[in-house]
């Protein structure tokens, strides 16, 4: 488990780029950044919520404090493959992420059935336990998949940039072991860029965003998926 980072504290900013802006930025980044250890990957994120979507409904109202629980893999997995269980919190614009790794089957038994007999005790698990006790009736609610390119600044791994494309969502077949399919959350030709840092943004990046007139966007993948689900329910 030591090869993975399990605790994060940082600012996260999101931007929507068109294809030409992305290519110009990637060309500029060759001078400052390099691909991280994950490089290019296809991420599967399974979000959990109550039957009334209590967690995401509270989150999209943008309170001072918000939280989400998900499990994540960077490839298609089998039930005995290791994945991450992630508790993501945001307080006063600072993102805190706690994660532990376990097999996919252990994670589903733990979250959905509260069976934790094979899971190592830790402070992070205590926080997830508290979350599960607080919300109680937690179940899979949406699967979000996307292709990601990840980079970090040379000499400063605390500044990261990711590009997410082919962002798909669905509300059935909710398993990290399943194939990639679903409905798109972004229009064709657009990319979600996330800038992650514990400090400021480098001048070269700020200058690029200013010159290209690219502004911060509000884009929660699970939040957008919920709005699609809610829209379908209203129309039904």
Foldseek 3Di string as FASTA:
>chain_A
DVVDDFKDKWFKFKWKDFQVLVVVVVVVCVVWKDFDPLFKFKKKKWWKAAPVRVQLVVVVVPDQKHKTWIKMDRAADDQQDKTKTKIWMHHNRMIIIGIDIGGNVCVCCCQQVVDCPPPDDDPSVVVVVVVCVVRVRMDTAKMWIWIKGKMATVVGNQKIKMKTPPIFMDGPPRGSNDDDDHDDPDDPRMIMMMIIHRDDDDPVVVVSCVVVVIDTDDDDSVSSVVVVVVVVVVVD
